[in-house]
Amino acid sequence: RLQWSKPVRAARQGNVTDYQIIASLTSSATIVKSVFSTALTQTIFSLRPNTLYTFYVAACTTVGCSPRNVTASMNAETLEGVPTHGPPDLRVQSSHSPSTSLTWIWSDLPAAQLRGELTTYNISVVNTSTNQTVDHSDESHKHRYITSNELDPSTYYTIKVRACTSVGCGPNSLLISQTAEGELLNSMRR
């Protein structure tokens, strides 16, 4: 929510009819929002989370609005958001001998999808036959891999991985993998 004061009379060229509020990305000066208001406060909606913006407020008369180089401006960063996607490229990196261990890896989320600073990955590995959770992590797991040991041979396991910021966790990436005698038999996405 932005708030400002009426300009002093000497600085105006006519009576102020309204104000133009411009939001631009600080990194590129690209204008992303422009709204008009007769009030001395304005809330700007639909901005990207965890993004630095420069806001300009220009006084407007019947003649026009003051140029940006003489208007009041300020920088502000929006709050973090919840990730919009699950971690990409979730896959089995290796099956270990004995064949009852699997290591899964994934890639970092792009910043626009992460929408904040990564606090942890929330992970669960479930035996699909028994629906029993055999491995999980939900606190302070920032590595882009997990190894589950002592798995049953020739058994399907579902792994779910989601990225979390201080605001919350995003959707899961999901992969179903099967252990075998001596090698990984199968892996499929859902």
N, C-alpha and C. Protein backbone atom coordinates (compact mmCIF):
# COMPACT_ATOMS: atom_id res chain seq x y z
N ARG A 1 0.85 -1.17 0.00
CA ARG A 1 0.00 0.00 0.00
C ARG A 1 0.90 1.23 0.00
N LEU A 2 0.71 2.07 -0.99
CA LEU A 2 1.48 3.30 -1.12
C LEU A 2 0.66 4.46 -0.56
N GLN A 3 1.35 5.42 0.03
CA GLN A 3 0.68 6.59 0.57
C GLN A 3 1.55 7.80 0.30
N TRP A 4 0.95 8.95 -0.04
CA TRP A 4 1.70 10.16 -0.34
C TRP A 4 0.88 11.37 0.09
N SER A 5 1.52 12.54 0.02
CA SER A 5 0.87 13.81 0.38
C SER A 5 0.60 14.62 -0.87
N LYS A 6 -0.36 15.53 -0.77
CA LYS A 6 -0.63 16.45 -1.87
C LYS A 6 0.61 17.28 -2.14
N PRO A 7 0.91 17.57 -3.40
CA PRO A 7 2.07 18.43 -3.67
C PRO A 7 1.78 19.86 -3.20
N VAL A 8 2.86 20.59 -2.90
CA VAL A 8 2.68 21.99 -2.48
C VAL A 8 2.14 22.79 -3.67
N ARG A 9 1.36 23.81 -3.39
CA ARG A 9 0.66 24.58 -4.43
C ARG A 9 1.63 25.17 -5.45
N ALA A 10 2.79 25.64 -4.99
CA ALA A 10 3.73 26.28 -5.91
C ALA A 10 4.28 25.30 -6.95
N ALA A 11 4.33 24.01 -6.62
CA ALA A 11 4.88 23.03 -7.55
C ALA A 11 3.85 22.58 -8.58
N ARG A 12 2.58 22.87 -8.35
CA ARG A 12 1.53 22.41 -9.26
C ARG A 12 1.33 23.40 -10.40
N GLN A 13 0.88 22.90 -11.52
CA GLN A 13 0.46 23.75 -12.63
C GLN A 13 -1.01 23.47 -12.87
N GLY A 14 -1.84 24.02 -12.00
CA GLY A 14 -3.27 23.78 -12.06
C GLY A 14 -3.70 22.93 -10.88
N ASN A 15 -4.98 22.65 -10.84
CA ASN A 15 -5.53 21.84 -9.76
C ASN A 15 -5.30 20.36 -10.05
N VAL A 16 -4.88 19.62 -9.02
CA VAL A 16 -4.66 18.19 -9.17
C VAL A 16 -6.01 17.50 -9.31
N THR A 17 -6.16 16.71 -10.39
CA THR A 17 -7.40 15.98 -10.61
C THR A 17 -7.28 14.53 -10.15
N ASP A 18 -6.09 13.96 -10.30
CA ASP A 18 -5.83 12.60 -9.84
C ASP A 18 -4.32 12.35 -9.83
N TYR A 19 -3.94 11.13 -9.50
CA TYR A 19 -2.53 10.75 -9.41
C TYR A 19 -2.32 9.51 -10.26
N GLN A 20 -1.19 9.48 -10.95
CA GLN A 20 -0.79 8.29 -11.70
C GLN A 20 0.25 7.56 -10.88
N ILE A 21 0.00 6.27 -10.60
CA ILE A 21 0.94 5.45 -9.85
C ILE A 21 1.53 4.44 -10.82
N ILE A 22 2.84 4.44 -10.93
CA ILE A 22 3.54 3.55 -11.86
C ILE A 22 4.41 2.60 -11.06
N ALA A 23 4.33 1.32 -11.36
CA ALA A 23 5.21 0.31 -10.75
C ALA A 23 6.10 -0.23 -11.87
N SER A 24 7.41 -0.18 -11.64
CA SER A 24 8.34 -0.73 -12.63
C SER A 24 9.33 -1.65 -11.94
N LEU A 25 9.82 -2.63 -12.69
CA LEU A 25 10.84 -3.51 -12.16
C LEU A 25 12.12 -2.70 -11.98
N THR A 26 12.67 -2.71 -10.80
CA THR A 26 13.87 -1.94 -10.52
C THR A 26 15.04 -2.42 -11.38
N SER A 27 15.11 -3.73 -11.61
CA SER A 27 16.24 -4.30 -12.35
C SER A 27 16.28 -3.89 -13.82
N SER A 28 15.12 -3.61 -14.42
CA SER A 28 15.10 -3.32 -15.85
C SER A 28 14.35 -2.04 -16.22
N ALA A 29 13.72 -1.38 -15.25
CA ALA A 29 12.91 -0.18 -15.47
C ALA A 29 11.69 -0.46 -16.34
N THR A 30 11.32 -1.72 -16.52
CA THR A 30 10.14 -2.09 -17.29
C THR A 30 8.89 -1.77 -16.48
N ILE A 31 7.98 -0.99 -17.07
CA ILE A 31 6.73 -0.65 -16.39
C ILE A 31 5.81 -1.88 -16.41
N VAL A 32 5.36 -2.29 -15.22
CA VAL A 32 4.49 -3.45 -15.13
C VAL A 32 3.05 -3.10 -14.73
N LYS A 33 2.86 -1.94 -14.12
CA LYS A 33 1.52 -1.48 -13.72
C LYS A 33 1.48 0.04 -13.82
N SER A 34 0.33 0.55 -14.23
CA SER A 34 0.07 1.98 -14.21
C SER A 34 -1.40 2.15 -13.88
N VAL A 35 -1.69 2.81 -12.76
CA VAL A 35 -3.07 3.02 -12.34
C VAL A 35 -3.27 4.47 -11.97
N PHE A 36 -4.51 4.92 -12.03
CA PHE A 36 -4.86 6.28 -11.64
C PHE A 36 -5.75 6.22 -10.41
N SER A 37 -5.59 7.24 -9.54
CA SER A 37 -6.37 7.29 -8.30
C SER A 37 -6.60 8.74 -7.91
N THR A 38 -7.75 9.02 -7.32
CA THR A 38 -8.01 10.35 -6.79
C THR A 38 -7.64 10.42 -5.31
N ALA A 39 -7.42 9.27 -4.70
CA ALA A 39 -7.07 9.20 -3.27
C ALA A 39 -5.57 9.42 -3.08
N LEU A 40 -5.16 9.59 -1.83
CA LEU A 40 -3.74 9.76 -1.50
C LEU A 40 -3.11 8.44 -1.05
N THR A 41 -3.79 7.32 -1.29
CA THR A 41 -3.26 5.99 -1.02
C THR A 41 -3.67 5.06 -2.17
N GLN A 42 -2.88 4.04 -2.40
CA GLN A 42 -3.22 3.08 -3.44
C GLN A 42 -2.54 1.75 -3.15
N THR A 43 -3.28 0.66 -3.28
CA THR A 43 -2.72 -0.68 -3.19
C THR A 43 -2.57 -1.20 -4.61
N ILE A 44 -1.39 -1.70 -4.93
CA ILE A 44 -1.11 -2.25 -6.25
C ILE A 44 -1.19 -3.77 -6.15
N PHE A 45 -2.04 -4.39 -6.95
CA PHE A 45 -2.24 -5.84 -6.91
C PHE A 45 -1.52 -6.53 -8.06
N SER A 46 -1.41 -7.85 -7.95
CA SER A 46 -0.86 -8.73 -8.99
C SER A 46 0.61 -8.48 -9.30
N LEU A 47 1.37 -8.12 -8.28
CA LEU A 47 2.81 -8.01 -8.45
C LEU A 47 3.44 -9.36 -8.16
N ARG A 48 4.62 -9.61 -8.70
CA ARG A 48 5.31 -10.88 -8.46
C ARG A 48 5.90 -10.89 -7.06
N PRO A 49 5.82 -12.03 -6.37
CA PRO A 49 6.44 -12.14 -5.05
C PRO A 49 7.97 -12.03 -5.14
N ASN A 50 8.57 -11.57 -4.03
CA ASN A 50 10.02 -11.54 -3.88
C ASN A 50 10.70 -10.77 -5.02
N THR A 51 10.11 -9.63 -5.39
CA THR A 51 10.61 -8.83 -6.51
C THR A 51 10.75 -7.38 -6.08
N LEU A 52 11.84 -6.74 -6.50
CA LEU A 52 12.10 -5.33 -6.17
C LEU A 52 11.46 -4.45 -7.24
N TYR A 53 10.62 -3.51 -6.81
CA TYR A 53 9.93 -2.57 -7.69
C TYR A 53 10.30 -1.14 -7.32
N THR A 54 10.24 -0.25 -8.32
CA THR A 54 10.30 1.19 -8.09
C THR A 54 8.91 1.73 -8.38
N PHE A 55 8.37 2.49 -7.43
CA PHE A 55 7.04 3.08 -7.57
C PHE A 55 7.18 4.59 -7.74
N TYR A 56 6.44 5.13 -8.71
CA TYR A 56 6.42 6.57 -8.96
C TYR A 56 5.00 7.05 -8.77
N VAL A 57 4.86 8.25 -8.17
CA VAL A 57 3.54 8.87 -8.03
C VAL A 57 3.62 10.24 -8.69
N ALA A 58 2.82 10.43 -9.72
CA ALA A 58 2.81 11.69 -10.46
C ALA A 58 1.47 12.39 -10.25
N ALA A 59 1.52 13.68 -9.96
CA ALA A 59 0.30 14.48 -9.84
C ALA A 59 -0.17 14.84 -11.24
N CYS A 60 -1.48 14.72 -11.47
CA CYS A 60 -2.05 15.00 -12.79
C CYS A 60 -3.04 16.15 -12.69
N THR A 61 -3.04 17.00 -13.71
CA THR A 61 -4.01 18.09 -13.84
C THR A 61 -4.76 17.88 -15.15
N THR A 62 -5.60 18.83 -15.52
CA THR A 62 -6.31 18.72 -16.80
C THR A 62 -5.34 18.83 -17.97
N VAL A 63 -4.14 19.35 -17.73
CA VAL A 63 -3.12 19.50 -18.77
C VAL A 63 -2.33 18.20 -18.98
N GLY A 64 -2.13 17.43 -17.91
CA GLY A 64 -1.35 16.19 -17.99
C GLY A 64 -0.73 15.85 -16.66
N CYS A 65 0.14 14.83 -16.66
CA CYS A 65 0.80 14.37 -15.43
C CYS A 65 2.26 14.83 -15.42
N SER A 66 2.78 15.02 -14.22
CA SER A 66 4.18 15.41 -14.11
C SER A 66 5.07 14.28 -14.63
N PRO A 67 6.20 14.62 -15.25
CA PRO A 67 7.09 13.56 -15.78
C PRO A 67 7.74 12.77 -14.66
N ARG A 68 8.15 11.53 -14.98
CA ARG A 68 8.72 10.64 -13.96
C ARG A 68 9.98 11.20 -13.32
N ASN A 69 10.76 11.97 -14.06
CA ASN A 69 12.02 12.47 -13.48
C ASN A 69 11.80 13.53 -12.40
N VAL A 70 10.58 14.04 -12.25
CA VAL A 70 10.31 15.01 -11.18
C VAL A 70 9.23 14.51 -10.22
N THR A 71 8.87 13.26 -10.31
CA THR A 71 7.84 12.71 -9.41
C THR A 71 8.49 12.03 -8.21
N ALA A 72 7.69 11.85 -7.18
CA ALA A 72 8.16 11.12 -6.00
C ALA A 72 8.33 9.65 -6.38
N SER A 73 9.38 9.03 -5.86
CA SER A 73 9.58 7.60 -6.13
C SER A 73 10.10 6.91 -4.89
N MET A 74 9.93 5.60 -4.86
CA MET A 74 10.47 4.79 -3.77
C MET A 74 10.65 3.36 -4.27
N ASN A 75 11.57 2.64 -3.65
CA ASN A 75 11.79 1.22 -3.96
C ASN A 75 11.19 0.38 -2.84
N ALA A 76 10.60 -0.75 -3.23
CA ALA A 76 10.05 -1.69 -2.25
C ALA A 76 10.10 -3.09 -2.83
N GLU A 77 10.34 -4.05 -1.96
CA GLU A 77 10.37 -5.45 -2.39
C GLU A 77 9.13 -6.15 -1.87
N THR A 78 8.48 -6.90 -2.76
CA THR A 78 7.29 -7.65 -2.35
C THR A 78 7.72 -8.84 -1.50
N LEU A 79 6.79 -9.35 -0.73
CA LEU A 79 7.07 -10.48 0.15
C LEU A 79 7.26 -11.76 -0.65
N GLU A 80 7.87 -12.75 -0.02
CA GLU A 80 8.03 -14.06 -0.66
C GLU A 80 6.67 -14.69 -0.92
N GLY A 81 6.68 -15.65 -1.83
CA GLY A 81 5.48 -16.41 -2.13
C GLY A 81 5.75 -17.90 -2.01
N VAL A 82 4.73 -18.68 -2.27
CA VAL A 82 4.85 -20.14 -2.29
C VAL A 82 5.31 -20.55 -3.69
N PRO A 83 6.23 -21.50 -3.81
CA PRO A 83 6.66 -21.95 -5.14
C PRO A 83 5.47 -22.39 -6.00
N THR A 84 5.57 -22.13 -7.30
CA THR A 84 4.46 -22.44 -8.21
C THR A 84 4.59 -23.82 -8.86
N HIS A 85 5.77 -24.42 -8.82
CA HIS A 85 6.03 -25.71 -9.47
C HIS A 85 6.81 -26.62 -8.53
N GLY A 86 6.77 -27.90 -8.83
CA GLY A 86 7.63 -28.86 -8.14
C GLY A 86 9.03 -28.80 -8.74
N PRO A 87 10.03 -29.27 -8.01
CA PRO A 87 11.39 -29.28 -8.55
C PRO A 87 11.46 -30.03 -9.88
N PRO A 88 12.14 -29.46 -10.88
CA PRO A 88 12.20 -30.12 -12.19
C PRO A 88 13.21 -31.25 -12.25
N ASP A 89 13.06 -32.07 -13.26
CA ASP A 89 14.02 -33.13 -13.58
C ASP A 89 14.21 -34.16 -12.47
N LEU A 90 13.16 -34.48 -11.73
CA LEU A 90 13.24 -35.53 -10.71
C LEU A 90 13.50 -36.86 -11.42
N ARG A 91 14.56 -37.55 -11.01
CA ARG A 91 14.92 -38.81 -11.66
C ARG A 91 15.78 -39.66 -10.73
N VAL A 92 15.87 -40.93 -11.06
CA VAL A 92 16.75 -41.84 -10.31
C VAL A 92 18.16 -41.62 -10.84
N GLN A 93 19.07 -41.32 -9.94
CA GLN A 93 20.46 -41.17 -10.35
C GLN A 93 21.15 -42.53 -10.39
N SER A 94 20.86 -43.34 -9.37
CA SER A 94 21.52 -44.65 -9.33
C SER A 94 20.78 -45.59 -8.40
N SER A 95 20.94 -46.86 -8.71
CA SER A 95 20.52 -47.89 -7.76
C SER A 95 21.82 -48.52 -7.27
N HIS A 96 21.87 -48.82 -6.01
CA HIS A 96 23.11 -49.29 -5.41
C HIS A 96 23.04 -50.79 -5.16
N SER A 97 24.18 -51.37 -5.13
CA SER A 97 24.27 -52.78 -4.79
C SER A 97 24.40 -52.88 -3.28
N PRO A 98 23.63 -53.57 -2.57
CA PRO A 98 22.55 -54.40 -3.09
C PRO A 98 21.45 -53.51 -3.67
N SER A 99 20.57 -54.10 -4.43
CA SER A 99 19.56 -53.35 -5.17
C SER A 99 18.47 -52.76 -4.29
N THR A 100 18.69 -52.70 -3.02
CA THR A 100 17.67 -52.19 -2.09
C THR A 100 17.94 -50.75 -1.69
N SER A 101 18.76 -50.03 -2.47
CA SER A 101 19.00 -48.60 -2.23
C SER A 101 18.79 -47.85 -3.54
N LEU A 102 18.16 -46.68 -3.44
CA LEU A 102 17.96 -45.82 -4.61
C LEU A 102 18.34 -44.39 -4.24
N THR A 103 18.96 -43.69 -5.19
CA THR A 103 19.24 -42.26 -5.02
C THR A 103 18.47 -41.50 -6.09
N TRP A 104 17.67 -40.53 -5.66
CA TRP A 104 16.94 -39.65 -6.56
C TRP A 104 17.58 -38.28 -6.54
N ILE A 105 17.58 -37.60 -7.68
CA ILE A 105 18.12 -36.24 -7.78
C ILE A 105 17.10 -35.37 -8.51
N TRP A 106 17.25 -34.05 -8.39
CA TRP A 106 16.38 -33.10 -9.09
C TRP A 106 17.16 -31.81 -9.28
N SER A 107 16.59 -30.91 -10.07
CA SER A 107 17.24 -29.63 -10.37
C SER A 107 16.62 -28.52 -9.53
N ASP A 108 17.33 -27.39 -9.46
CA ASP A 108 16.80 -26.21 -8.77
C ASP A 108 15.62 -25.63 -9.55
N LEU A 109 14.69 -25.05 -8.84
CA LEU A 109 13.61 -24.32 -9.47
C LEU A 109 14.14 -22.98 -9.97
N PRO A 110 13.71 -22.50 -11.14
CA PRO A 110 14.06 -21.14 -11.55
C PRO A 110 13.49 -20.15 -10.54
N ALA A 111 14.14 -19.01 -10.37
CA ALA A 111 13.73 -18.01 -9.36
C ALA A 111 12.27 -17.59 -9.52
N ALA A 112 11.81 -17.44 -10.75
CA ALA A 112 10.42 -17.01 -10.96
C ALA A 112 9.42 -18.04 -10.46
N GLN A 113 9.80 -19.32 -10.45
CA GLN A 113 8.92 -20.38 -9.93
C GLN A 113 9.11 -20.60 -8.44
N LEU A 114 10.32 -20.34 -7.94
CA LEU A 114 10.59 -20.51 -6.50
C LEU A 114 9.90 -19.41 -5.69
N ARG A 115 9.93 -18.18 -6.19
CA ARG A 115 9.23 -17.02 -5.60
C ARG A 115 9.70 -16.69 -4.19
N GLY A 116 10.97 -16.90 -3.91
CA GLY A 116 11.53 -16.58 -2.61
C GLY A 116 12.82 -17.35 -2.41
N GLU A 117 13.24 -17.41 -1.15
CA GLU A 117 14.46 -18.14 -0.81
C GLU A 117 14.10 -19.55 -0.33
N LEU A 118 14.78 -20.54 -0.90
CA LEU A 118 14.54 -21.93 -0.52
C LEU A 118 14.88 -22.13 0.96
N THR A 119 13.92 -22.67 1.72
CA THR A 119 14.20 -23.00 3.13
C THR A 119 14.44 -24.49 3.29
N THR A 120 13.74 -25.31 2.50
CA THR A 120 13.90 -26.76 2.58
C THR A 120 13.21 -27.44 1.42
N TYR A 121 13.56 -28.71 1.21
CA TYR A 121 12.77 -29.57 0.33
C TYR A 121 11.99 -30.52 1.23
N ASN A 122 10.71 -30.64 0.98
CA ASN A 122 9.86 -31.57 1.69
C ASN A 122 9.81 -32.83 0.83
N ILE A 123 10.24 -33.96 1.40
CA ILE A 123 10.41 -35.20 0.63
C ILE A 123 9.71 -36.35 1.34
N SER A 124 9.06 -37.21 0.55
CA SER A 124 8.57 -38.47 1.12
C SER A 124 8.77 -39.58 0.10
N VAL A 125 9.18 -40.75 0.59
CA VAL A 125 9.34 -41.95 -0.21
C VAL A 125 8.39 -42.98 0.37
N VAL A 126 7.50 -43.50 -0.48
CA VAL A 126 6.45 -44.41 -0.01
C VAL A 126 6.51 -45.71 -0.81
N ASN A 127 6.43 -46.83 -0.11
CA ASN A 127 6.30 -48.14 -0.73
C ASN A 127 4.87 -48.20 -1.28
N THR A 128 4.73 -48.32 -2.61
CA THR A 128 3.39 -48.27 -3.20
C THR A 128 2.55 -49.51 -2.90
N SER A 129 3.18 -50.62 -2.57
CA SER A 129 2.43 -51.84 -2.23
C SER A 129 1.80 -51.74 -0.85
N THR A 130 2.57 -51.23 0.11
CA THR A 130 2.10 -51.18 1.50
C THR A 130 1.59 -49.80 1.90
N ASN A 131 1.85 -48.81 1.06
CA ASN A 131 1.53 -47.41 1.36
C ASN A 131 2.25 -46.91 2.62
N GLN A 132 3.37 -47.54 2.94
CA GLN A 132 4.16 -47.17 4.11
C GLN A 132 5.24 -46.18 3.69
N THR A 133 5.37 -45.10 4.47
CA THR A 133 6.44 -44.13 4.24
C THR A 133 7.73 -44.75 4.76
N VAL A 134 8.72 -44.85 3.86
CA VAL A 134 9.99 -45.48 4.24
C VAL A 134 11.09 -44.45 4.44
N ASP A 135 10.88 -43.23 3.96
CA ASP A 135 11.87 -42.17 4.12
C ASP A 135 11.14 -40.84 3.97
N HIS A 136 11.52 -39.86 4.77
CA HIS A 136 10.96 -38.52 4.58
C HIS A 136 11.87 -37.48 5.22
N SER A 137 11.71 -36.27 4.73
CA SER A 137 12.47 -35.14 5.26
C SER A 137 11.63 -33.90 5.06
N ASP A 138 11.44 -33.14 6.12
CA ASP A 138 10.68 -31.91 5.98
C ASP A 138 11.30 -30.71 6.69
N GLU A 139 12.49 -30.89 7.23
CA GLU A 139 13.16 -29.78 7.90
C GLU A 139 14.63 -29.73 7.47
N SER A 140 15.07 -28.58 7.05
CA SER A 140 16.48 -28.29 6.76
C SER A 140 17.11 -29.23 5.74
N HIS A 141 16.36 -29.69 4.76
CA HIS A 141 16.92 -30.52 3.70
C HIS A 141 17.07 -29.65 2.46
N LYS A 142 18.29 -29.15 2.22
CA LYS A 142 18.52 -28.27 1.08
C LYS A 142 19.29 -28.96 -0.04
N HIS A 143 19.65 -30.22 0.14
CA HIS A 143 20.36 -30.96 -0.91
C HIS A 143 19.37 -31.31 -2.02
N ARG A 144 19.87 -31.45 -3.24
CA ARG A 144 19.02 -31.81 -4.37
C ARG A 144 19.10 -33.31 -4.67
N TYR A 145 19.15 -34.09 -3.61
CA TYR A 145 19.15 -35.55 -3.75
C TYR A 145 18.74 -36.17 -2.43
N ILE A 146 18.33 -37.42 -2.51
CA ILE A 146 18.09 -38.21 -1.30
C ILE A 146 18.36 -39.67 -1.66
N THR A 147 18.97 -40.39 -0.75
CA THR A 147 19.21 -41.83 -0.90
C THR A 147 18.39 -42.56 0.13
N SER A 148 17.61 -43.52 -0.35
CA SER A 148 16.83 -44.37 0.56
C SER A 148 17.46 -45.76 0.55
N ASN A 149 17.73 -46.27 1.74
CA ASN A 149 18.38 -47.58 1.90
C ASN A 149 17.39 -48.60 2.46
N GLU A 150 17.78 -49.85 2.39
CA GLU A 150 17.01 -50.97 2.94
C GLU A 150 15.59 -51.03 2.37
N LEU A 151 15.49 -50.80 1.05
CA LEU A 151 14.21 -50.93 0.37
C LEU A 151 13.97 -52.38 0.00
N ASP A 152 12.74 -52.75 -0.20
CA ASP A 152 12.41 -54.11 -0.61
C ASP A 152 12.77 -54.29 -2.08
N PRO A 153 13.36 -55.44 -2.45
CA PRO A 153 13.68 -55.68 -3.87
C PRO A 153 12.40 -55.87 -4.70
N SER A 154 12.49 -55.55 -5.98
CA SER A 154 11.38 -55.71 -6.94
C SER A 154 10.10 -55.04 -6.45
N THR A 155 10.25 -53.84 -5.91
CA THR A 155 9.12 -53.11 -5.33
C THR A 155 9.08 -51.69 -5.90
N TYR A 156 7.85 -51.20 -6.14
CA TYR A 156 7.69 -49.83 -6.60
C TYR A 156 7.68 -48.87 -5.40
N TYR A 157 8.34 -47.72 -5.59
CA TYR A 157 8.37 -46.66 -4.59
C TYR A 157 7.98 -45.35 -5.27
N THR A 158 7.17 -44.57 -4.57
CA THR A 158 6.79 -43.24 -5.05
C THR A 158 7.57 -42.22 -4.24
N ILE A 159 8.26 -41.31 -4.95
CA ILE A 159 8.94 -40.21 -4.27
C ILE A 159 8.21 -38.92 -4.63
N LYS A 160 7.98 -38.10 -3.62
CA LYS A 160 7.38 -36.78 -3.80
C LYS A 160 8.37 -35.76 -3.24
N VAL A 161 8.66 -34.74 -4.03
CA VAL A 161 9.59 -33.69 -3.61
C VAL A 161 8.93 -32.35 -3.90
N ARG A 162 8.95 -31.45 -2.91
CA ARG A 162 8.45 -30.09 -3.14
C ARG A 162 9.37 -29.09 -2.47
N ALA A 163 9.51 -27.94 -3.11
CA ALA A 163 10.35 -26.86 -2.59
C ALA A 163 9.52 -25.99 -1.66
N CYS A 164 10.19 -25.47 -0.61
CA CYS A 164 9.50 -24.63 0.37
C CYS A 164 10.25 -23.32 0.57
N THR A 165 9.49 -22.25 0.76
CA THR A 165 10.03 -20.95 1.18
C THR A 165 9.51 -20.69 2.59
N SER A 166 9.81 -19.53 3.13
CA SER A 166 9.33 -19.21 4.48
C SER A 166 7.81 -19.07 4.52
N VAL A 167 7.17 -18.91 3.36
CA VAL A 167 5.72 -18.74 3.29
C VAL A 167 4.99 -20.08 3.23
N GLY A 168 5.61 -21.08 2.60
CA GLY A 168 4.98 -22.39 2.48
C GLY A 168 5.64 -23.22 1.39
N CYS A 169 5.05 -24.38 1.14
CA CYS A 169 5.60 -25.33 0.16
C CYS A 169 4.75 -25.34 -1.10
N GLY A 170 5.41 -25.55 -2.23
CA GLY A 170 4.74 -25.62 -3.51
C GLY A 170 4.25 -27.03 -3.80
N PRO A 171 3.83 -27.27 -5.05
CA PRO A 171 3.34 -28.60 -5.43
C PRO A 171 4.46 -29.62 -5.51
N ASN A 172 4.07 -30.88 -5.46
CA ASN A 172 5.03 -31.98 -5.53
C ASN A 172 5.47 -32.27 -6.95
N SER A 173 6.71 -32.68 -7.09
CA SER A 173 7.15 -33.44 -8.25
C SER A 173 7.04 -34.88 -7.80
N LEU A 174 6.61 -35.76 -8.70
CA LEU A 174 6.35 -37.13 -8.30
C LEU A 174 6.99 -38.08 -9.31
N LEU A 175 7.58 -39.15 -8.80
CA LEU A 175 8.19 -40.17 -9.65
C LEU A 175 7.97 -41.52 -8.99
N ILE A 176 7.64 -42.52 -9.80
CA ILE A 176 7.50 -43.89 -9.29
C ILE A 176 8.67 -44.70 -9.85
N SER A 177 9.39 -45.36 -8.96
CA SER A 177 10.57 -46.15 -9.35
C SER A 177 10.45 -47.55 -8.77
N GLN A 178 11.10 -48.50 -9.43
CA GLN A 178 11.04 -49.89 -8.97
C GLN A 178 12.45 -50.41 -8.73
N THR A 179 12.63 -51.06 -7.60
CA THR A 179 13.89 -51.74 -7.32
C THR A 179 13.84 -53.13 -7.95
N ALA A 180 15.01 -53.73 -8.12
CA ALA A 180 15.08 -55.07 -8.70
C ALA A 180 16.27 -55.80 -8.12
N GLU A 181 16.45 -57.01 -8.54
CA GLU A 181 17.63 -57.77 -8.13
C GLU A 181 18.81 -57.25 -8.94
N GLY A 182 19.64 -56.37 -8.35
CA GLY A 182 20.86 -55.92 -9.00
C GLY A 182 20.74 -54.70 -9.88
N GLU A 183 19.51 -54.22 -10.23
CA GLU A 183 19.42 -53.03 -11.07
C GLU A 183 18.05 -52.40 -10.92
N LEU A 184 17.95 -51.18 -11.39
CA LEU A 184 16.68 -50.48 -11.40
C LEU A 184 15.88 -50.98 -12.59
N LEU A 185 14.68 -51.49 -12.34
CA LEU A 185 13.86 -52.02 -13.42
C LEU A 185 13.11 -50.93 -14.17
N ASN A 186 12.51 -50.00 -13.45
CA ASN A 186 11.58 -49.11 -14.11
C ASN A 186 11.49 -47.80 -13.35
N SER A 187 11.18 -46.74 -14.05
CA SER A 187 10.95 -45.44 -13.43
C SER A 187 9.96 -44.69 -14.30
N MET A 188 8.90 -44.14 -13.71
CA MET A 188 7.92 -43.42 -14.51
C MET A 188 7.40 -42.21 -13.74
N ARG A 189 7.06 -41.16 -14.52
CA ARG A 189 6.53 -39.91 -13.96
C ARG A 189 5.02 -39.97 -13.90
N ARG A 190 4.51 -39.23 -12.93
CA ARG A 190 3.06 -39.05 -12.87
C ARG A 190 2.75 -37.59 -12.77
